[in-house]
Amino acid sequence: MACANPHSIVVASRDKEFQAALKSADILMPDGYGIALAAKMLGLPLKERVAGSEFFRAFTLLANKDGGLKYFFLGSTKHVLGLMVERLCREFPSIFVCGTYSPPFKEEFSEEDNKKMIDIINSAKPDVLWVGMTAPKQEKWIYQNRYILEVPFIGAIGAVFDFYAGTKQRPSIFWQKLGLEWLPRFMREPRRLWERNLKSTPIFLLWVLHEKLKQNRRNR
């Protein structure tokens, strides 16, 4: 499972491995208002966006109700992972966290780093592996190791780690309903999010407009 938004689509257009990772996902969530807007403009059968946070919560609610699953969390910091486990145990007592691991903070993992992560995960025998290492790193890591990981379900959910831990606040329902959830996040972290919001989003919208014009010409 992976999430798609305008920024990831633009990045995937120039990163072939990331593109392959998104295409190979069994579930690709329309995470981003821009995706839902594009679908509406182009007449595609997609009614609304589904954020990674919403998918994670809905999935966990069902798993907890049906008797629970074993979760493993890979990514972020030990502090964030600890907060996530505390909250999960409190809210979803049927979910068992069989392991967590905070990988080294680096652009690329060494073979030793990678082997250690895979050995720890496979030894824990989780039913679900949640990966939060930011895109496109997390999707590419899953894609590269999907046949080595002995896990039935793997989900790349990035910022959900911080949101669920409470170390970062997801914008309110007010902003979500307006399709402007990106704005408060951009105001809080402009240096980190400027490319996503001020570069990738306009490029994506231009692509959508171009495709819409092509549709109109074909329908004449």
N, C-alpha and C. Protein backbone atom coordinates (compact mmCIF):
# COMPACT_ATOMS: atom_id res chain seq x y z
N MET A 1 0.84 -1.19 0.00
CA MET A 1 0.00 0.00 0.00
C MET A 1 0.89 1.25 0.00
N ALA A 2 0.53 2.21 -0.86
CA ALA A 2 1.26 3.47 -0.93
C ALA A 2 0.26 4.60 -1.14
N CYS A 3 0.72 5.81 -0.97
CA CYS A 3 -0.14 6.98 -1.14
C CYS A 3 0.35 7.83 -2.31
N ALA A 4 -0.60 8.37 -3.07
CA ALA A 4 -0.25 9.24 -4.20
C ALA A 4 -0.82 10.62 -3.98
N ASN A 5 -0.02 11.64 -4.25
CA ASN A 5 -0.46 13.03 -4.21
C ASN A 5 0.21 13.76 -5.38
N PRO A 6 -0.16 14.99 -5.66
CA PRO A 6 0.44 15.69 -6.80
C PRO A 6 1.98 15.71 -6.77
N HIS A 7 2.55 15.90 -5.59
CA HIS A 7 4.01 15.95 -5.50
C HIS A 7 4.63 14.61 -5.87
N SER A 8 4.07 13.51 -5.35
CA SER A 8 4.64 12.20 -5.64
C SER A 8 4.51 11.86 -7.12
N ILE A 9 3.41 12.29 -7.76
CA ILE A 9 3.25 12.04 -9.19
C ILE A 9 4.31 12.78 -9.99
N VAL A 10 4.58 14.02 -9.62
CA VAL A 10 5.60 14.81 -10.32
C VAL A 10 6.99 14.21 -10.10
N VAL A 11 7.29 13.85 -8.86
CA VAL A 11 8.60 13.24 -8.57
C VAL A 11 8.77 11.93 -9.33
N ALA A 12 7.69 11.13 -9.37
CA ALA A 12 7.75 9.83 -10.06
C ALA A 12 7.97 9.98 -11.56
N SER A 13 7.62 11.14 -12.12
CA SER A 13 7.81 11.34 -13.56
C SER A 13 9.29 11.40 -13.93
N ARG A 14 10.15 11.71 -12.96
CA ARG A 14 11.58 11.78 -13.23
C ARG A 14 12.40 10.75 -12.43
N ASP A 15 11.71 9.99 -11.58
CA ASP A 15 12.36 8.95 -10.79
C ASP A 15 11.71 7.62 -11.15
N LYS A 16 12.32 6.88 -12.05
CA LYS A 16 11.71 5.68 -12.60
C LYS A 16 11.49 4.58 -11.56
N GLU A 17 12.39 4.49 -10.60
CA GLU A 17 12.22 3.46 -9.56
C GLU A 17 11.03 3.80 -8.67
N PHE A 18 10.88 5.07 -8.34
CA PHE A 18 9.74 5.51 -7.55
C PHE A 18 8.45 5.27 -8.32
N GLN A 19 8.49 5.56 -9.61
CA GLN A 19 7.32 5.33 -10.47
C GLN A 19 6.95 3.84 -10.47
N ALA A 20 7.94 2.98 -10.58
CA ALA A 20 7.69 1.54 -10.57
C ALA A 20 7.13 1.10 -9.22
N ALA A 21 7.63 1.71 -8.14
CA ALA A 21 7.15 1.37 -6.80
C ALA A 21 5.68 1.72 -6.64
N LEU A 22 5.28 2.90 -7.13
CA LEU A 22 3.88 3.30 -7.04
C LEU A 22 3.00 2.40 -7.89
N LYS A 23 3.45 2.09 -9.09
CA LYS A 23 2.66 1.25 -10.00
C LYS A 23 2.52 -0.18 -9.49
N SER A 24 3.50 -0.64 -8.73
CA SER A 24 3.46 -2.02 -8.24
C SER A 24 2.63 -2.18 -6.97
N ALA A 25 2.26 -1.07 -6.35
CA ALA A 25 1.48 -1.15 -5.11
C ALA A 25 0.10 -1.77 -5.38
N ASP A 26 -0.29 -2.72 -4.56
CA ASP A 26 -1.62 -3.33 -4.70
C ASP A 26 -2.73 -2.34 -4.38
N ILE A 27 -2.45 -1.43 -3.45
CA ILE A 27 -3.39 -0.36 -3.10
C ILE A 27 -2.64 0.97 -3.20
N LEU A 28 -3.15 1.88 -4.03
CA LEU A 28 -2.56 3.21 -4.16
C LEU A 28 -3.62 4.22 -3.75
N MET A 29 -3.43 4.79 -2.56
CA MET A 29 -4.44 5.68 -1.99
C MET A 29 -4.37 7.07 -2.62
N PRO A 30 -5.53 7.66 -2.96
CA PRO A 30 -5.55 9.04 -3.49
C PRO A 30 -5.39 10.04 -2.35
N ASP A 31 -4.19 10.16 -1.85
CA ASP A 31 -3.90 11.00 -0.68
C ASP A 31 -3.49 12.39 -1.18
N GLY A 32 -4.41 13.31 -1.17
CA GLY A 32 -4.14 14.65 -1.67
C GLY A 32 -5.35 15.17 -2.42
N TYR A 33 -5.78 16.36 -2.07
CA TYR A 33 -6.97 16.93 -2.70
C TYR A 33 -6.76 17.10 -4.20
N GLY A 34 -5.52 17.35 -4.61
CA GLY A 34 -5.23 17.54 -6.03
C GLY A 34 -5.57 16.31 -6.86
N ILE A 35 -5.40 15.12 -6.28
CA ILE A 35 -5.73 13.89 -7.00
C ILE A 35 -7.24 13.79 -7.21
N ALA A 36 -8.01 14.09 -6.16
CA ALA A 36 -9.47 14.05 -6.28
C ALA A 36 -9.97 15.11 -7.26
N LEU A 37 -9.37 16.30 -7.23
CA LEU A 37 -9.74 17.37 -8.15
C LEU A 37 -9.45 16.98 -9.59
N ALA A 38 -8.29 16.37 -9.81
CA ALA A 38 -7.91 15.93 -11.16
C ALA A 38 -8.90 14.88 -11.67
N ALA A 39 -9.27 13.94 -10.80
CA ALA A 39 -10.22 12.90 -11.19
C ALA A 39 -11.57 13.49 -11.58
N LYS A 40 -12.01 14.48 -10.83
CA LYS A 40 -13.28 15.14 -11.12
C LYS A 40 -13.22 15.87 -12.47
N MET A 41 -12.13 16.59 -12.71
CA MET A 41 -11.97 17.34 -13.95
C MET A 41 -11.91 16.42 -15.17
N LEU A 42 -11.32 15.24 -14.98
CA LEU A 42 -11.11 14.34 -16.10
C LEU A 42 -12.19 13.26 -16.21
N GLY A 43 -13.17 13.33 -15.32
CA GLY A 43 -14.29 12.39 -15.38
C GLY A 43 -13.91 10.98 -14.97
N LEU A 44 -12.97 10.85 -14.05
CA LEU A 44 -12.54 9.53 -13.59
C LEU A 44 -13.37 9.10 -12.37
N PRO A 45 -13.59 7.80 -12.19
CA PRO A 45 -14.45 7.31 -11.11
C PRO A 45 -13.80 7.32 -9.73
N LEU A 46 -13.44 8.51 -9.28
CA LEU A 46 -12.86 8.67 -7.96
C LEU A 46 -13.59 9.82 -7.28
N LYS A 47 -14.31 9.53 -6.20
CA LYS A 47 -15.18 10.54 -5.61
C LYS A 47 -14.48 11.45 -4.61
N GLU A 48 -13.54 10.92 -3.86
CA GLU A 48 -12.89 11.74 -2.83
C GLU A 48 -11.50 11.21 -2.50
N ARG A 49 -10.73 12.04 -1.84
CA ARG A 49 -9.40 11.65 -1.41
C ARG A 49 -9.51 10.76 -0.18
N VAL A 50 -8.48 9.95 0.04
CA VAL A 50 -8.38 9.14 1.26
C VAL A 50 -6.97 9.35 1.80
N ALA A 51 -6.86 10.10 2.87
CA ALA A 51 -5.55 10.40 3.43
C ALA A 51 -4.96 9.16 4.10
N GLY A 52 -3.64 9.12 4.16
CA GLY A 52 -2.97 8.00 4.81
C GLY A 52 -3.41 7.82 6.25
N SER A 53 -3.63 8.94 6.95
CA SER A 53 -4.09 8.89 8.34
C SER A 53 -5.44 8.20 8.45
N GLU A 54 -6.32 8.51 7.51
CA GLU A 54 -7.66 7.92 7.53
C GLU A 54 -7.60 6.42 7.24
N PHE A 55 -6.75 6.04 6.29
CA PHE A 55 -6.61 4.63 5.97
C PHE A 55 -6.05 3.86 7.16
N PHE A 56 -5.01 4.42 7.80
CA PHE A 56 -4.39 3.77 8.94
C PHE A 56 -5.40 3.56 10.07
N ARG A 57 -6.18 4.58 10.36
CA ARG A 57 -7.16 4.47 11.45
C ARG A 57 -8.26 3.46 11.11
N ALA A 58 -8.80 3.53 9.89
CA ALA A 58 -9.87 2.62 9.48
C ALA A 58 -9.37 1.17 9.48
N PHE A 59 -8.17 0.97 8.97
CA PHE A 59 -7.57 -0.37 8.94
C PHE A 59 -7.41 -0.92 10.36
N THR A 60 -6.91 -0.06 11.25
CA THR A 60 -6.66 -0.48 12.62
C THR A 60 -7.95 -0.73 13.38
N LEU A 61 -8.96 0.07 13.14
CA LEU A 61 -10.28 -0.16 13.76
C LEU A 61 -10.82 -1.54 13.40
N LEU A 62 -10.74 -1.88 12.12
CA LEU A 62 -11.23 -3.19 11.67
C LEU A 62 -10.38 -4.32 12.25
N ALA A 63 -9.07 -4.14 12.26
CA ALA A 63 -8.18 -5.17 12.79
C ALA A 63 -8.44 -5.39 14.27
N ASN A 64 -8.64 -4.32 15.02
CA ASN A 64 -8.91 -4.41 16.45
C ASN A 64 -10.25 -5.11 16.71
N LYS A 65 -11.24 -4.78 15.90
CA LYS A 65 -12.58 -5.36 16.05
C LYS A 65 -12.58 -6.85 15.73
N ASP A 66 -11.76 -7.26 14.77
CA ASP A 66 -11.73 -8.66 14.33
C ASP A 66 -10.77 -9.53 15.13
N GLY A 67 -10.27 -9.01 16.23
CA GLY A 67 -9.42 -9.84 17.09
C GLY A 67 -7.97 -9.46 17.13
N GLY A 68 -7.61 -8.48 16.31
CA GLY A 68 -6.25 -7.96 16.37
C GLY A 68 -5.27 -8.56 15.39
N LEU A 69 -4.18 -7.81 15.16
CA LEU A 69 -3.09 -8.23 14.30
C LEU A 69 -1.78 -7.84 14.97
N LYS A 70 -0.68 -8.37 14.46
CA LYS A 70 0.63 -7.98 14.95
C LYS A 70 1.21 -6.89 14.04
N TYR A 71 1.51 -5.73 14.64
CA TYR A 71 2.05 -4.59 13.91
C TYR A 71 3.56 -4.45 14.17
N PHE A 72 4.27 -4.00 13.13
CA PHE A 72 5.66 -3.58 13.26
C PHE A 72 5.76 -2.19 12.65
N PHE A 73 6.40 -1.26 13.36
CA PHE A 73 6.59 0.10 12.86
C PHE A 73 8.06 0.33 12.54
N LEU A 74 8.33 0.72 11.30
CA LEU A 74 9.70 1.01 10.85
C LEU A 74 9.80 2.45 10.40
N GLY A 75 10.67 3.22 11.08
CA GLY A 75 10.86 4.60 10.66
C GLY A 75 10.88 5.57 11.83
N SER A 76 11.07 6.85 11.50
CA SER A 76 11.04 7.95 12.46
C SER A 76 12.09 7.75 13.58
N THR A 77 11.79 8.31 14.76
CA THR A 77 12.72 8.25 15.88
C THR A 77 12.18 7.34 16.98
N LYS A 78 13.04 6.95 17.90
CA LYS A 78 12.61 6.11 19.02
C LYS A 78 11.53 6.81 19.84
N HIS A 79 11.66 8.13 19.97
CA HIS A 79 10.68 8.90 20.74
C HIS A 79 9.30 8.81 20.09
N VAL A 80 9.24 9.05 18.79
CA VAL A 80 7.96 8.99 18.07
C VAL A 80 7.39 7.58 18.11
N LEU A 81 8.22 6.59 17.89
CA LEU A 81 7.77 5.20 17.93
C LEU A 81 7.20 4.84 19.30
N GLY A 82 7.85 5.31 20.35
CA GLY A 82 7.36 5.03 21.69
C GLY A 82 5.98 5.64 21.94
N LEU A 83 5.78 6.87 21.48
CA LEU A 83 4.48 7.54 21.63
C LEU A 83 3.39 6.83 20.84
N MET A 84 3.76 6.36 19.64
CA MET A 84 2.80 5.64 18.82
C MET A 84 2.34 4.35 19.51
N VAL A 85 3.29 3.61 20.04
CA VAL A 85 2.96 2.34 20.69
C VAL A 85 2.09 2.57 21.92
N GLU A 86 2.42 3.59 22.70
CA GLU A 86 1.61 3.92 23.89
C GLU A 86 0.17 4.21 23.50
N ARG A 87 -0.02 5.03 22.49
CA ARG A 87 -1.37 5.40 22.08
C ARG A 87 -2.10 4.20 21.48
N LEU A 88 -1.41 3.43 20.67
CA LEU A 88 -2.05 2.28 20.02
C LEU A 88 -2.52 1.27 21.06
N CYS A 89 -1.70 0.99 22.06
CA CYS A 89 -2.08 0.04 23.11
C CYS A 89 -3.28 0.54 23.91
N ARG A 90 -3.36 1.85 24.06
CA ARG A 90 -4.47 2.45 24.80
C ARG A 90 -5.76 2.44 24.00
N GLU A 91 -5.69 2.78 22.73
CA GLU A 91 -6.89 2.89 21.91
C GLU A 91 -7.33 1.58 21.26
N PHE A 92 -6.36 0.71 20.97
CA PHE A 92 -6.68 -0.54 20.26
C PHE A 92 -6.01 -1.72 20.97
N PRO A 93 -6.58 -2.14 22.07
CA PRO A 93 -5.93 -3.18 22.90
C PRO A 93 -5.76 -4.53 22.22
N SER A 94 -6.50 -4.79 21.14
CA SER A 94 -6.36 -6.07 20.45
C SER A 94 -5.18 -6.09 19.48
N ILE A 95 -4.61 -4.91 19.22
CA ILE A 95 -3.44 -4.83 18.33
C ILE A 95 -2.18 -5.06 19.16
N PHE A 96 -1.34 -5.97 18.71
CA PHE A 96 -0.08 -6.26 19.40
C PHE A 96 1.08 -5.72 18.58
N VAL A 97 1.86 -4.82 19.16
CA VAL A 97 3.04 -4.29 18.47
C VAL A 97 4.20 -5.25 18.76
N CYS A 98 4.56 -6.02 17.75
CA CYS A 98 5.60 -7.04 17.94
C CYS A 98 7.00 -6.49 17.73
N GLY A 99 7.09 -5.22 17.30
CA GLY A 99 8.41 -4.63 17.13
C GLY A 99 8.39 -3.24 16.54
N THR A 100 9.43 -2.48 16.82
CA THR A 100 9.64 -1.16 16.21
C THR A 100 11.13 -1.04 15.92
N TYR A 101 11.44 -0.19 14.94
CA TYR A 101 12.85 0.05 14.65
C TYR A 101 13.00 1.42 14.02
N SER A 102 13.92 2.23 14.58
CA SER A 102 14.25 3.54 14.03
C SER A 102 15.54 3.40 13.24
N PRO A 103 15.46 3.44 11.90
CA PRO A 103 16.66 3.21 11.08
C PRO A 103 17.60 4.42 11.12
N PRO A 104 18.84 4.23 10.69
CA PRO A 104 19.78 5.35 10.64
C PRO A 104 19.25 6.46 9.73
N PHE A 105 19.49 7.70 10.11
CA PHE A 105 19.03 8.83 9.31
C PHE A 105 20.08 9.15 8.25
N LYS A 106 19.88 8.60 7.05
CA LYS A 106 20.81 8.82 5.95
C LYS A 106 20.07 8.69 4.63
N GLU A 107 20.65 9.25 3.58
CA GLU A 107 20.02 9.22 2.26
C GLU A 107 19.83 7.80 1.75
N GLU A 108 20.88 6.99 1.88
CA GLU A 108 20.82 5.61 1.41
C GLU A 108 21.34 4.68 2.50
N PHE A 109 20.68 3.54 2.64
CA PHE A 109 21.10 2.56 3.63
C PHE A 109 22.21 1.68 3.04
N SER A 110 23.14 1.29 3.88
CA SER A 110 24.18 0.35 3.47
C SER A 110 23.58 -1.06 3.45
N GLU A 111 24.30 -1.99 2.87
CA GLU A 111 23.85 -3.38 2.86
C GLU A 111 23.68 -3.90 4.28
N GLU A 112 24.58 -3.47 5.16
CA GLU A 112 24.51 -3.89 6.57
C GLU A 112 23.26 -3.32 7.24
N ASP A 113 22.98 -2.03 6.97
CA ASP A 113 21.76 -1.41 7.52
C ASP A 113 20.52 -2.18 7.06
N ASN A 114 20.49 -2.45 5.78
CA ASN A 114 19.33 -3.09 5.17
C ASN A 114 19.12 -4.50 5.73
N LYS A 115 20.20 -5.26 5.83
CA LYS A 115 20.11 -6.63 6.35
C LYS A 115 19.60 -6.62 7.78
N LYS A 116 20.08 -5.66 8.57
CA LYS A 116 19.67 -5.59 9.97
C LYS A 116 18.17 -5.31 10.07
N MET A 117 17.67 -4.37 9.27
CA MET A 117 16.24 -4.05 9.29
C MET A 117 15.39 -5.25 8.90
N ILE A 118 15.78 -5.90 7.81
CA ILE A 118 15.00 -7.03 7.31
C ILE A 118 15.02 -8.19 8.31
N ASP A 119 16.19 -8.47 8.91
CA ASP A 119 16.30 -9.55 9.89
C ASP A 119 15.42 -9.27 11.12
N ILE A 120 15.43 -8.03 11.59
CA ILE A 120 14.63 -7.67 12.77
C ILE A 120 13.14 -7.82 12.48
N ILE A 121 12.73 -7.35 11.29
CA ILE A 121 11.31 -7.42 10.91
C ILE A 121 10.87 -8.88 10.75
N ASN A 122 11.63 -9.65 9.99
CA ASN A 122 11.24 -11.04 9.74
C ASN A 122 11.26 -11.88 11.02
N SER A 123 12.17 -11.57 11.93
CA SER A 123 12.22 -12.31 13.20
C SER A 123 10.99 -12.03 14.06
N ALA A 124 10.45 -10.82 13.94
CA ALA A 124 9.27 -10.45 14.74
C ALA A 124 7.99 -11.07 14.19
N LYS A 125 8.01 -11.49 12.93
CA LYS A 125 6.86 -12.13 12.27
C LYS A 125 5.57 -11.29 12.36
N PRO A 126 5.62 -10.05 11.90
CA PRO A 126 4.40 -9.22 11.95
C PRO A 126 3.39 -9.60 10.87
N ASP A 127 2.13 -9.28 11.13
CA ASP A 127 1.10 -9.40 10.10
C ASP A 127 1.10 -8.17 9.21
N VAL A 128 1.48 -7.02 9.83
CA VAL A 128 1.46 -5.74 9.11
C VAL A 128 2.74 -4.97 9.43
N LEU A 129 3.37 -4.45 8.38
CA LEU A 129 4.53 -3.58 8.54
C LEU A 129 4.16 -2.19 8.07
N TRP A 130 4.22 -1.22 8.96
CA TRP A 130 3.98 0.18 8.61
C TRP A 130 5.33 0.87 8.49
N VAL A 131 5.57 1.52 7.34
CA VAL A 131 6.85 2.16 7.08
C VAL A 131 6.65 3.68 7.00
N GLY A 132 7.41 4.41 7.80
CA GLY A 132 7.32 5.87 7.79
C GLY A 132 8.69 6.50 7.66
N MET A 133 9.20 6.59 6.43
CA MET A 133 10.53 7.15 6.19
C MET A 133 10.49 8.30 5.17
N THR A 134 9.35 8.87 4.93
CA THR A 134 9.09 9.91 3.93
C THR A 134 9.21 9.37 2.51
N ALA A 135 8.48 10.01 1.62
CA ALA A 135 8.51 9.61 0.20
C ALA A 135 9.63 10.39 -0.52
N PRO A 136 10.27 9.80 -1.52
CA PRO A 136 10.03 8.48 -2.11
C PRO A 136 10.85 7.36 -1.47
N LYS A 137 11.59 7.70 -0.41
CA LYS A 137 12.49 6.72 0.21
C LYS A 137 11.76 5.48 0.68
N GLN A 138 10.60 5.67 1.36
CA GLN A 138 9.88 4.54 1.93
C GLN A 138 9.30 3.62 0.85
N GLU A 139 8.73 4.21 -0.19
CA GLU A 139 8.16 3.40 -1.27
C GLU A 139 9.24 2.61 -2.01
N LYS A 140 10.37 3.24 -2.25
CA LYS A 140 11.46 2.58 -2.96
C LYS A 140 12.07 1.47 -2.10
N TRP A 141 12.15 1.70 -0.80
CA TRP A 141 12.69 0.67 0.10
C TRP A 141 11.78 -0.56 0.10
N ILE A 142 10.48 -0.33 0.17
CA ILE A 142 9.53 -1.45 0.13
C ILE A 142 9.64 -2.18 -1.21
N TYR A 143 9.71 -1.42 -2.29
CA TYR A 143 9.80 -2.00 -3.63
C TYR A 143 11.06 -2.87 -3.79
N GLN A 144 12.17 -2.40 -3.25
CA GLN A 144 13.44 -3.11 -3.37
C GLN A 144 13.46 -4.40 -2.53
N ASN A 145 12.72 -4.40 -1.43
CA ASN A 145 12.80 -5.51 -0.48
C ASN A 145 11.51 -6.32 -0.33
N ARG A 146 10.55 -6.08 -1.21
CA ARG A 146 9.23 -6.69 -1.04
C ARG A 146 9.24 -8.22 -1.08
N TYR A 147 10.19 -8.80 -1.79
CA TYR A 147 10.24 -10.26 -1.89
C TYR A 147 11.08 -10.90 -0.78
N ILE A 148 11.78 -10.08 -0.03
CA ILE A 148 12.60 -10.58 1.09
C ILE A 148 11.83 -10.47 2.40
N LEU A 149 10.97 -9.47 2.50
CA LEU A 149 10.19 -9.25 3.70
C LEU A 149 9.08 -10.29 3.82
N GLU A 150 9.04 -10.98 4.93
CA GLU A 150 8.05 -12.04 5.15
C GLU A 150 6.85 -11.46 5.90
N VAL A 151 6.17 -10.52 5.24
CA VAL A 151 5.05 -9.81 5.85
C VAL A 151 3.88 -9.81 4.87
N PRO A 152 2.68 -10.20 5.31
CA PRO A 152 1.53 -10.23 4.40
C PRO A 152 1.11 -8.86 3.87
N PHE A 153 1.23 -7.83 4.71
CA PHE A 153 0.78 -6.49 4.29
C PHE A 153 1.80 -5.44 4.71
N ILE A 154 2.18 -4.58 3.76
CA ILE A 154 3.14 -3.50 4.03
C ILE A 154 2.53 -2.19 3.57
N GLY A 155 2.54 -1.19 4.44
CA GLY A 155 1.98 0.11 4.10
C GLY A 155 2.97 1.24 4.31
N ALA A 156 3.11 2.10 3.30
CA ALA A 156 3.97 3.29 3.40
C ALA A 156 3.08 4.46 3.79
N ILE A 157 3.26 4.98 5.00
CA ILE A 157 2.34 6.01 5.50
C ILE A 157 3.02 7.28 6.00
N GLY A 158 4.32 7.42 5.80
CA GLY A 158 5.03 8.67 6.04
C GLY A 158 4.64 9.49 7.25
N ALA A 159 4.00 10.64 7.00
CA ALA A 159 3.69 11.61 8.05
C ALA A 159 2.72 11.08 9.10
N VAL A 160 2.06 9.97 8.83
CA VAL A 160 1.11 9.40 9.79
C VAL A 160 1.81 9.06 11.10
N PHE A 161 3.08 8.70 11.05
CA PHE A 161 3.82 8.39 12.28
C PHE A 161 3.78 9.60 13.22
N ASP A 162 4.12 10.77 12.72
CA ASP A 162 4.14 11.97 13.55
C ASP A 162 2.74 12.39 13.98
N PHE A 163 1.78 12.28 13.06
CA PHE A 163 0.41 12.65 13.39
C PHE A 163 -0.15 11.77 14.50
N TYR A 164 0.07 10.45 14.37
CA TYR A 164 -0.49 9.54 15.37
C TYR A 164 0.24 9.67 16.70
N ALA A 165 1.54 9.92 16.65
CA ALA A 165 2.31 10.11 17.88
C ALA A 165 1.97 11.42 18.57
N GLY A 166 1.45 12.39 17.78
CA GLY A 166 1.11 13.70 18.35
C GLY A 166 2.27 14.68 18.34
N THR A 167 3.38 14.31 17.70
CA THR A 167 4.53 15.22 17.62
C THR A 167 4.32 16.29 16.56
N LYS A 168 3.39 16.02 15.64
CA LYS A 168 2.96 17.03 14.68
C LYS A 168 1.44 16.98 14.60
N GLN A 169 0.84 18.15 14.43
CA GLN A 169 -0.62 18.24 14.41
C GLN A 169 -1.13 18.25 12.97
N ARG A 170 -2.05 17.33 12.68
CA ARG A 170 -2.69 17.36 11.37
C ARG A 170 -3.67 18.53 11.34
N PRO A 171 -3.71 19.30 10.24
CA PRO A 171 -4.67 20.42 10.15
C PRO A 171 -6.10 19.96 10.41
N SER A 172 -6.89 20.87 10.93
CA SER A 172 -8.26 20.56 11.37
C SER A 172 -9.17 20.16 10.22
N ILE A 173 -10.35 19.63 10.59
CA ILE A 173 -11.36 19.23 9.62
C ILE A 173 -11.75 20.41 8.73
N PHE A 174 -11.75 21.60 9.29
CA PHE A 174 -12.09 22.82 8.53
C PHE A 174 -11.21 22.93 7.28
N TRP A 175 -9.89 22.81 7.46
CA TRP A 175 -8.97 22.92 6.33
C TRP A 175 -9.07 21.71 5.41
N GLN A 176 -9.31 20.53 5.99
CA GLN A 176 -9.44 19.32 5.18
C GLN A 176 -10.63 19.42 4.23
N LYS A 177 -11.76 19.89 4.73
CA LYS A 177 -12.97 20.00 3.91
C LYS A 177 -12.82 21.05 2.81
N LEU A 178 -12.03 22.07 3.07
CA LEU A 178 -11.79 23.10 2.06
C LEU A 178 -10.80 22.64 0.99
N GLY A 179 -10.17 21.51 1.22
CA GLY A 179 -9.13 21.05 0.29
C GLY A 179 -7.84 21.83 0.46
N LEU A 180 -7.67 22.45 1.63
CA LEU A 180 -6.49 23.28 1.88
C LEU A 180 -5.67 22.77 3.06
N GLU A 181 -5.70 21.48 3.27
CA GLU A 181 -4.94 20.90 4.38
C GLU A 181 -3.45 21.21 4.26
N TRP A 182 -3.00 21.40 3.02
CA TRP A 182 -1.58 21.67 2.79
C TRP A 182 -1.16 23.03 3.33
N LEU A 183 -2.09 23.99 3.41
CA LEU A 183 -1.73 25.37 3.74
C LEU A 183 -1.19 25.53 5.16
N PRO A 184 -1.89 25.07 6.21
CA PRO A 184 -1.31 25.18 7.56
C PRO A 184 0.01 24.44 7.71
N ARG A 185 0.11 23.29 7.02
CA ARG A 185 1.37 22.54 7.09
C ARG A 185 2.50 23.33 6.43
N PHE A 186 2.20 23.96 5.30
CA PHE A 186 3.20 24.77 4.60
C PHE A 186 3.62 25.97 5.45
N MET A 187 2.66 26.60 6.13
CA MET A 187 2.97 27.76 6.97
C MET A 187 3.88 27.37 8.14
N ARG A 188 3.71 26.13 8.63
CA ARG A 188 4.53 25.67 9.75
C ARG A 188 5.92 25.23 9.30
N GLU A 189 6.01 24.64 8.09
CA GLU A 189 7.30 24.10 7.61
C GLU A 189 7.57 24.54 6.16
N PRO A 190 7.69 25.85 5.92
CA PRO A 190 7.87 26.32 4.53
C PRO A 190 9.13 25.80 3.86
N ARG A 191 10.23 25.69 4.60
CA ARG A 191 11.49 25.24 3.99
C ARG A 191 11.39 23.79 3.51
N ARG A 192 10.71 22.97 4.28
CA ARG A 192 10.61 21.55 3.92
C ARG A 192 9.57 21.31 2.83
N LEU A 193 8.51 22.12 2.81
CA LEU A 193 7.37 21.85 1.93
C LEU A 193 7.24 22.79 0.74
N TRP A 194 8.18 23.72 0.57
CA TRP A 194 8.02 24.70 -0.51
C TRP A 194 8.00 24.05 -1.89
N GLU A 195 8.87 23.06 -2.10
CA GLU A 195 8.92 22.42 -3.43
C GLU A 195 7.63 21.69 -3.72
N ARG A 196 7.10 21.00 -2.71
CA ARG A 196 5.86 20.25 -2.88
C ARG A 196 4.70 21.18 -3.25
N ASN A 197 4.57 22.29 -2.54
CA ASN A 197 3.41 23.16 -2.71
C ASN A 197 3.56 24.23 -3.78
N LEU A 198 4.76 24.76 -3.94
CA LEU A 198 4.96 25.87 -4.87
C LEU A 198 5.55 25.46 -6.21
N LYS A 199 6.02 24.24 -6.31
CA LYS A 199 6.60 23.76 -7.57
C LYS A 199 5.82 22.58 -8.14
N SER A 200 5.71 21.50 -7.35
CA SER A 200 5.06 20.28 -7.85
C SER A 200 3.57 20.47 -8.11
N THR A 201 2.87 21.15 -7.21
CA THR A 201 1.43 21.31 -7.39
C THR A 201 1.08 22.07 -8.66
N PRO A 202 1.71 23.22 -8.94
CA PRO A 202 1.42 23.91 -10.21
C PRO A 202 1.73 23.05 -11.44
N ILE A 203 2.84 22.30 -11.39
CA ILE A 203 3.19 21.42 -12.52
C ILE A 203 2.09 20.38 -12.72
N PHE A 204 1.64 19.76 -11.63
CA PHE A 204 0.60 18.74 -11.71
C PHE A 204 -0.69 19.31 -12.27
N LEU A 205 -1.07 20.50 -11.81
CA LEU A 205 -2.31 21.12 -12.30
C LEU A 205 -2.22 21.47 -13.79
N LEU A 206 -1.04 21.89 -14.24
CA LEU A 206 -0.84 22.15 -15.67
C LEU A 206 -1.00 20.87 -16.49
N TRP A 207 -0.47 19.76 -15.97
CA TRP A 207 -0.64 18.47 -16.64
C TRP A 207 -2.12 18.11 -16.75
N VAL A 208 -2.86 18.34 -15.67
CA VAL A 208 -4.30 18.00 -15.65
C VAL A 208 -5.05 18.87 -16.66
N LEU A 209 -4.74 20.16 -16.68
CA LEU A 209 -5.39 21.07 -17.64
C LEU A 209 -5.08 20.67 -19.08
N HIS A 210 -3.83 20.28 -19.31
CA HIS A 210 -3.42 19.83 -20.65
C HIS A 210 -4.22 18.59 -21.06
N GLU A 211 -4.38 17.66 -20.13
CA GLU A 211 -5.13 16.43 -20.43
C GLU A 211 -6.60 16.75 -20.66
N LYS A 212 -7.13 17.71 -19.90
CA LYS A 212 -8.53 18.11 -20.07
C LYS A 212 -8.75 18.71 -21.46
N LEU A 213 -7.83 19.53 -21.93
CA LEU A 213 -7.93 20.12 -23.26
C LEU A 213 -7.88 19.03 -24.34
N LYS A 214 -7.04 18.02 -24.13
CA LYS A 214 -6.96 16.90 -25.07
C LYS A 214 -8.29 16.14 -25.10
N GLN A 215 -8.90 15.95 -23.94
CA GLN A 215 -10.20 15.29 -23.86
C GLN A 215 -11.26 16.07 -24.64
N ASN A 216 -11.24 17.38 -24.43
CA ASN A 216 -12.23 18.24 -25.10
C ASN A 216 -12.08 18.18 -26.61
N ARG A 217 -10.83 18.16 -27.09
CA ARG A 217 -10.60 18.09 -28.54
C ARG A 217 -11.07 16.75 -29.10
N ARG A 218 -10.85 15.67 -28.35
CA ARG A 218 -11.28 14.35 -28.81
C ARG A 218 -12.80 14.23 -28.85
N ASN A 219 -13.47 14.94 -27.95
CA ASN A 219 -14.94 14.84 -27.86
C ASN A 219 -15.68 15.75 -28.84
N ARG A 220 -14.96 16.59 -29.54
CA ARG A 220 -15.62 17.48 -30.50
C ARG A 220 -16.05 16.73 -31.74
